[in-house]
């Protein structure tokens, strides 16, 4: 092998190692950390889901590589807090002109 070939192979190895390190870093940052709260769903979605019983109900969450026996701790599972919608004011129903009896009587001649 010539010196140029060895230099090209070394550059390619450095580039490959850099690419692999970046891919691992991106994958590593997309994983959930311990202690991160996951919100429960009442029904499983598409894909692999696991449930734990939280507050007396099945709390479904994505498996994300977890297997039975290695679920998230219950402290990291929570039901989402939905704000109570404000009370609606219901207006009085409209009074239509044809529903009033005096409207169409006219003058009696």
N, C-alpha and C. Protein backbone atom coordinates (compact mmCIF):
# COMPACT_ATOMS: atom_id res chain seq x y z
N UNK A 1 0.83 -1.18 0.00
CA UNK A 1 0.00 0.00 0.00
C UNK A 1 0.87 1.24 0.00
N UNK A 2 0.38 2.21 -0.68
CA UNK A 2 1.13 3.46 -0.73
C UNK A 2 0.73 4.35 0.42
N UNK A 3 1.51 5.34 0.64
CA UNK A 3 1.25 6.27 1.74
C UNK A 3 -0.07 7.01 1.53
N UNK A 4 -0.41 7.36 0.28
CA UNK A 4 -1.67 8.06 -0.01
C UNK A 4 -2.87 7.18 0.32
N UNK A 5 -2.78 5.91 0.02
CA UNK A 5 -3.88 4.99 0.30
C UNK A 5 -4.11 4.87 1.81
N UNK A 6 -3.03 4.79 2.57
CA UNK A 6 -3.14 4.69 4.03
C UNK A 6 -3.77 5.97 4.59
N UNK A 7 -3.37 7.13 4.07
CA UNK A 7 -3.96 8.39 4.54
C UNK A 7 -5.45 8.46 4.22
N UNK A 8 -5.86 8.01 3.04
CA UNK A 8 -7.28 8.00 2.67
C UNK A 8 -8.08 7.06 3.55
N UNK A 9 -7.52 5.88 3.84
CA UNK A 9 -8.20 4.94 4.73
C UNK A 9 -8.32 5.52 6.14
N UNK A 10 -7.29 6.20 6.61
CA UNK A 10 -7.35 6.81 7.94
C UNK A 10 -8.41 7.91 7.99
N UNK A 11 -8.47 8.75 6.94
CA UNK A 11 -9.50 9.78 6.88
C UNK A 11 -10.90 9.17 6.85
N UNK A 12 -11.06 8.09 6.07
CA UNK A 12 -12.37 7.43 6.00
C UNK A 12 -12.75 6.84 7.34
N UNK A 13 -11.79 6.28 8.07
CA UNK A 13 -12.08 5.71 9.39
C UNK A 13 -12.49 6.79 10.37
N UNK A 14 -11.83 7.95 10.32
CA UNK A 14 -12.19 9.06 11.21
C UNK A 14 -13.59 9.56 10.88
N UNK A 15 -13.88 9.70 9.59
CA UNK A 15 -15.23 10.15 9.19
C UNK A 15 -16.29 9.14 9.62
N UNK A 16 -16.02 7.86 9.46
CA UNK A 16 -16.98 6.83 9.87
C UNK A 16 -17.19 6.86 11.38
N UNK A 17 -16.11 6.99 12.14
CA UNK A 17 -16.22 7.04 13.61
C UNK A 17 -17.02 8.27 14.04
N UNK A 18 -16.79 9.41 13.38
CA UNK A 18 -17.54 10.63 13.68
C UNK A 18 -19.02 10.44 13.37
N UNK A 19 -19.33 9.84 12.23
CA UNK A 19 -20.72 9.59 11.85
C UNK A 19 -21.42 8.67 12.85
N UNK A 20 -20.74 7.60 13.25
CA UNK A 20 -21.33 6.67 14.23
C UNK A 20 -21.55 7.37 15.56
N UNK A 21 -20.59 8.19 15.99
CA UNK A 21 -20.74 8.91 17.26
C UNK A 21 -21.92 9.86 17.22
N UNK A 22 -22.10 10.56 16.10
CA UNK A 22 -23.23 11.48 15.97
C UNK A 22 -24.55 10.71 15.99
N UNK A 23 -24.60 9.59 15.27
CA UNK A 23 -25.84 8.78 15.26
C UNK A 23 -26.17 8.27 16.65
N UNK A 24 -25.17 7.82 17.39
CA UNK A 24 -25.41 7.35 18.75
C UNK A 24 -25.86 8.48 19.66
N UNK A 25 -25.28 9.64 19.49
CA UNK A 25 -25.65 10.79 20.31
C UNK A 25 -27.09 11.21 20.04
N UNK A 26 -27.49 11.23 18.78
CA UNK A 26 -28.87 11.58 18.44
C UNK A 26 -29.83 10.55 19.01
N UNK A 27 -29.50 9.27 18.90
CA UNK A 27 -30.36 8.22 19.43
C UNK A 27 -30.41 8.30 20.95
N UNK A 28 -29.29 8.61 21.57
CA UNK A 28 -29.22 8.68 23.02
C UNK A 28 -30.06 9.81 23.57
N UNK A 29 -30.09 10.95 22.86
CA UNK A 29 -30.86 12.09 23.36
C UNK A 29 -32.35 11.92 23.14
N UNK A 30 -32.76 11.00 22.26
CA UNK A 30 -34.19 10.82 22.02
C UNK A 30 -34.83 9.85 23.00
N UNK A 31 -34.04 9.18 23.81
CA UNK A 31 -34.57 8.22 24.77
C UNK A 31 -35.10 8.96 26.00
N UNK A 32 -36.07 8.33 26.65
CA UNK A 32 -36.62 8.90 27.88
C UNK A 32 -35.63 8.69 29.02
N UNK A 33 -35.52 9.66 29.85
CA UNK A 33 -34.64 9.57 31.00
C UNK A 33 -35.43 9.04 32.19
N UNK A 34 -34.74 8.46 33.13
CA UNK A 34 -35.37 8.01 34.35
C UNK A 34 -35.98 9.19 35.09
N UNK A 35 -37.17 9.02 35.60
CA UNK A 35 -37.83 10.10 36.32
C UNK A 35 -38.70 10.96 35.43
N UNK A 36 -38.66 10.74 34.13
CA UNK A 36 -39.49 11.53 33.22
C UNK A 36 -40.93 11.03 33.28
N UNK A 37 -41.86 11.95 33.44
CA UNK A 37 -43.28 11.58 33.56
C UNK A 37 -43.85 11.24 32.19
N UNK A 38 -44.53 10.11 32.12
CA UNK A 38 -45.23 9.69 30.91
C UNK A 38 -46.72 9.76 31.20
N UNK A 39 -47.48 10.36 30.28
CA UNK A 39 -48.92 10.48 30.49
C UNK A 39 -49.63 9.21 30.05
N UNK A 40 -50.62 8.83 30.83
CA UNK A 40 -51.39 7.61 30.57
C UNK A 40 -52.43 7.84 29.48
N UNK A 41 -52.80 6.75 28.83
CA UNK A 41 -53.93 6.74 27.91
C UNK A 41 -54.89 5.66 28.38
N UNK A 42 -56.17 5.84 28.12
CA UNK A 42 -57.15 4.85 28.56
C UNK A 42 -57.20 3.65 27.63
N UNK A 43 -56.76 3.80 26.38
CA UNK A 43 -56.73 2.70 25.41
C UNK A 43 -55.37 2.68 24.72
N UNK A 44 -54.90 1.48 24.35
CA UNK A 44 -53.61 1.43 23.65
C UNK A 44 -53.76 1.93 22.22
N UNK A 45 -52.71 2.49 21.70
CA UNK A 45 -52.69 2.94 20.31
C UNK A 45 -52.04 1.88 19.43
N UNK A 46 -51.72 2.23 18.20
CA UNK A 46 -51.06 1.26 17.33
C UNK A 46 -49.63 1.00 17.79
N UNK A 47 -49.14 -0.19 17.56
CA UNK A 47 -47.78 -0.55 17.98
C UNK A 47 -47.81 -1.31 19.28
N UNK A 48 -46.66 -1.36 19.95
CA UNK A 48 -46.54 -2.10 21.22
C UNK A 48 -46.82 -1.17 22.40
N UNK A 49 -47.75 -1.58 23.24
CA UNK A 49 -48.13 -0.80 24.42
C UNK A 49 -48.10 -1.71 25.64
N UNK A 50 -47.82 -1.13 26.78
CA UNK A 50 -47.83 -1.82 28.06
C UNK A 50 -48.75 -1.04 28.99
N UNK A 51 -49.39 -1.73 29.92
CA UNK A 51 -50.21 -0.99 30.88
C UNK A 51 -49.78 -1.33 32.30
N UNK A 52 -50.02 -0.37 33.17
CA UNK A 52 -49.90 -0.56 34.61
C UNK A 52 -51.16 0.01 35.22
N UNK A 53 -51.57 -0.50 36.32
CA UNK A 53 -52.77 0.01 36.99
C UNK A 53 -52.36 1.21 37.84
N UNK A 54 -52.92 2.37 37.48
CA UNK A 54 -52.63 3.62 38.18
C UNK A 54 -53.97 4.23 38.58
N UNK A 55 -54.14 4.53 39.84
CA UNK A 55 -55.38 5.09 40.37
C UNK A 55 -56.58 4.21 40.05
N UNK A 56 -56.40 2.91 40.06
CA UNK A 56 -57.49 1.97 39.84
C UNK A 56 -57.89 1.76 38.38
N UNK A 57 -57.15 2.33 37.44
CA UNK A 57 -57.47 2.18 36.02
C UNK A 57 -56.22 1.74 35.26
N UNK A 58 -56.43 1.07 34.13
CA UNK A 58 -55.30 0.68 33.30
C UNK A 58 -54.69 1.91 32.65
N UNK A 59 -53.42 2.12 32.88
CA UNK A 59 -52.68 3.24 32.32
C UNK A 59 -51.82 2.69 31.19
N UNK A 60 -52.23 2.95 29.95
CA UNK A 60 -51.50 2.45 28.79
C UNK A 60 -50.43 3.46 28.39
N UNK A 61 -49.23 2.95 28.07
CA UNK A 61 -48.15 3.79 27.55
C UNK A 61 -47.33 2.96 26.58
N UNK A 62 -46.63 3.66 25.67
CA UNK A 62 -45.86 2.96 24.65
C UNK A 62 -44.74 2.16 25.29
N UNK A 63 -44.53 0.93 24.76
CA UNK A 63 -43.52 0.05 25.33
C UNK A 63 -42.12 0.64 25.18
N UNK A 64 -41.80 1.16 24.00
CA UNK A 64 -40.51 1.81 23.80
C UNK A 64 -39.33 0.92 24.17
N UNK A 65 -39.40 -0.38 23.88
CA UNK A 65 -38.31 -1.30 24.19
C UNK A 65 -38.46 -1.98 25.54
N UNK A 66 -39.44 -1.55 26.34
CA UNK A 66 -39.66 -2.20 27.64
C UNK A 66 -40.38 -3.52 27.45
N UNK A 67 -40.12 -4.45 28.36
CA UNK A 67 -40.81 -5.74 28.32
C UNK A 67 -41.55 -5.93 29.64
N UNK A 68 -42.46 -6.89 29.64
CA UNK A 68 -43.20 -7.21 30.86
C UNK A 68 -42.21 -7.50 31.98
N UNK A 69 -42.43 -6.93 33.13
CA UNK A 69 -41.54 -7.09 34.25
C UNK A 69 -40.50 -5.98 34.34
N UNK A 70 -40.37 -5.17 33.29
CA UNK A 70 -39.41 -4.05 33.30
C UNK A 70 -40.15 -2.76 32.95
N UNK A 71 -41.37 -2.60 33.48
CA UNK A 71 -42.17 -1.42 33.17
C UNK A 71 -41.62 -0.19 33.87
N UNK A 72 -42.17 0.94 33.48
CA UNK A 72 -41.83 2.19 34.17
C UNK A 72 -42.39 2.14 35.58
N UNK A 73 -41.70 2.77 36.52
CA UNK A 73 -42.25 2.86 37.88
C UNK A 73 -43.55 3.67 37.88
N UNK A 74 -44.44 3.32 38.78
CA UNK A 74 -45.74 4.02 38.85
C UNK A 74 -45.57 5.51 39.14
N UNK A 75 -44.49 5.87 39.81
CA UNK A 75 -44.27 7.28 40.12
C UNK A 75 -44.02 8.11 38.85
N UNK A 76 -43.62 7.44 37.75
CA UNK A 76 -43.35 8.14 36.49
C UNK A 76 -44.54 8.13 35.54
N UNK A 77 -45.67 7.60 36.00
CA UNK A 77 -46.88 7.55 35.18
C UNK A 77 -47.93 8.47 35.80
N UNK A 78 -48.61 9.23 34.96
CA UNK A 78 -49.62 10.16 35.48
C UNK A 78 -50.73 10.32 34.45
N UNK A 79 -51.92 10.54 34.94
CA UNK A 79 -53.05 10.86 34.06
C UNK A 79 -52.98 12.34 33.73
N UNK A 80 -53.23 12.70 32.47
CA UNK A 80 -53.17 14.13 32.12
C UNK A 80 -54.25 14.92 32.86
N UNK A 81 -53.92 16.13 33.24
CA UNK A 81 -54.88 17.02 33.91
C UNK A 81 -55.55 17.88 32.86
N UNK A 82 -56.81 17.63 32.66
CA UNK A 82 -57.57 18.44 31.71
C UNK A 82 -58.33 19.49 32.50
N UNK A 83 -58.26 20.72 32.04
CA UNK A 83 -58.99 21.80 32.71
C UNK A 83 -60.48 21.63 32.48
N UNK A 84 -61.23 21.91 33.51
CA UNK A 84 -62.69 21.83 33.40
C UNK A 84 -63.15 22.93 32.45
N UNK A 85 -63.96 22.58 31.45
CA UNK A 85 -64.40 23.62 30.52
C UNK A 85 -65.31 24.62 31.24
N UNK A 86 -65.27 25.87 30.84
CA UNK A 86 -66.13 26.86 31.50
C UNK A 86 -67.60 26.57 31.20
N UNK A 87 -68.44 26.95 32.13
CA UNK A 87 -69.88 26.73 31.95
C UNK A 87 -70.39 27.59 30.81
N UNK A 88 -71.25 27.01 30.01
CA UNK A 88 -71.83 27.75 28.88
C UNK A 88 -73.11 28.44 29.31
N UNK A 89 -73.31 29.63 28.82
CA UNK A 89 -74.57 30.31 29.04
C UNK A 89 -75.51 29.94 27.91
N UNK A 90 -76.66 29.42 28.26
CA UNK A 90 -77.63 29.03 27.25
C UNK A 90 -78.66 30.15 27.15
N UNK A 91 -78.72 30.84 26.01
CA UNK A 91 -79.68 31.94 25.88
C UNK A 91 -81.11 31.39 25.80
N UNK A 92 -82.03 32.28 26.07
CA UNK A 92 -83.44 31.90 25.95
C UNK A 92 -83.71 31.56 24.49
N UNK A 93 -84.59 30.59 24.24
CA UNK A 93 -84.88 30.25 22.85
C UNK A 93 -85.55 31.44 22.15
N UNK A 94 -85.31 31.59 20.86
CA UNK A 94 -85.89 32.74 20.14
C UNK A 94 -87.42 32.63 20.07
N UNK A 95 -88.06 33.78 20.05
CA UNK A 95 -89.52 33.79 19.89
C UNK A 95 -89.80 34.17 18.44
N UNK A 96 -90.34 33.23 17.71
CA UNK A 96 -90.63 33.45 16.30
C UNK A 96 -91.93 34.23 16.16
N UNK A 97 -92.02 35.12 15.17
CA UNK A 97 -93.23 35.95 15.01
C UNK A 97 -94.47 35.10 14.75
N UNK A 98 -94.35 34.05 14.04
CA UNK A 98 -95.53 33.24 13.73
C UNK A 98 -96.03 32.43 14.91
N UNK A 99 -95.24 32.41 16.00
CA UNK A 99 -95.71 31.68 17.17
C UNK A 99 -96.56 32.56 18.08
N UNK A 100 -96.60 33.85 17.81
CA UNK A 100 -97.42 34.75 18.62
C UNK A 100 -98.82 34.82 18.00
N UNK A 101 -99.82 34.54 18.77
CA UNK A 101 -101.18 34.47 18.25
C UNK A 101 -101.74 35.82 17.83
N UNK A 102 -101.38 36.89 18.47
CA UNK A 102 -101.92 38.21 18.18
C UNK A 102 -101.36 38.78 16.88
N UNK A 103 -100.34 38.25 16.39
CA UNK A 103 -99.64 38.84 15.25
C UNK A 103 -100.49 38.85 13.97
N UNK A 104 -101.19 37.78 13.66
CA UNK A 104 -101.87 37.69 12.37
C UNK A 104 -103.40 37.84 12.46
N UNK A 105 -103.89 38.27 13.59
CA UNK A 105 -105.36 38.40 13.70
C UNK A 105 -105.89 39.57 12.88
N UNK A 106 -105.15 40.64 12.85
CA UNK A 106 -105.60 41.79 12.09
C UNK A 106 -106.85 42.43 12.67
N UNK A 107 -107.44 43.39 11.92
CA UNK A 107 -108.66 44.07 12.35
C UNK A 107 -109.87 43.21 11.96
N UNK A 108 -110.78 43.14 12.86
CA UNK A 108 -112.01 42.40 12.56
C UNK A 108 -112.99 43.37 11.92
N UNK A 109 -113.28 43.27 10.65
CA UNK A 109 -114.20 44.17 9.97
C UNK A 109 -115.47 43.52 9.65
